[in-house]
Amino acid sequence: MATKAKTHSGASKRFEKLKSGLIKFSRGYRRHLLTGKTAKRKRQLRGGSYLNKCDAGHVASLI
């Protein structure tokens, strides 16, 4: 009997699998040194984003 794969703890903190099957993640570059970034750039980084299909399979196996 094969053993179950362990959850990758780093991936589980960064990614979230949705009911639709998409994998959601938060964008980086919003923690510090924000005075040097434009308001437009910070605003666009605010929302989350979704992984591409080509990357989703690999990440899904980790979480």
Foldseek 3Di string as FASTA:
>chain_A
DDDQDDAQVVLVVAWDADPVRWIKGQADPADDPCVPPDPVVNVVRGDIDTDDPVCSVVSVSRD
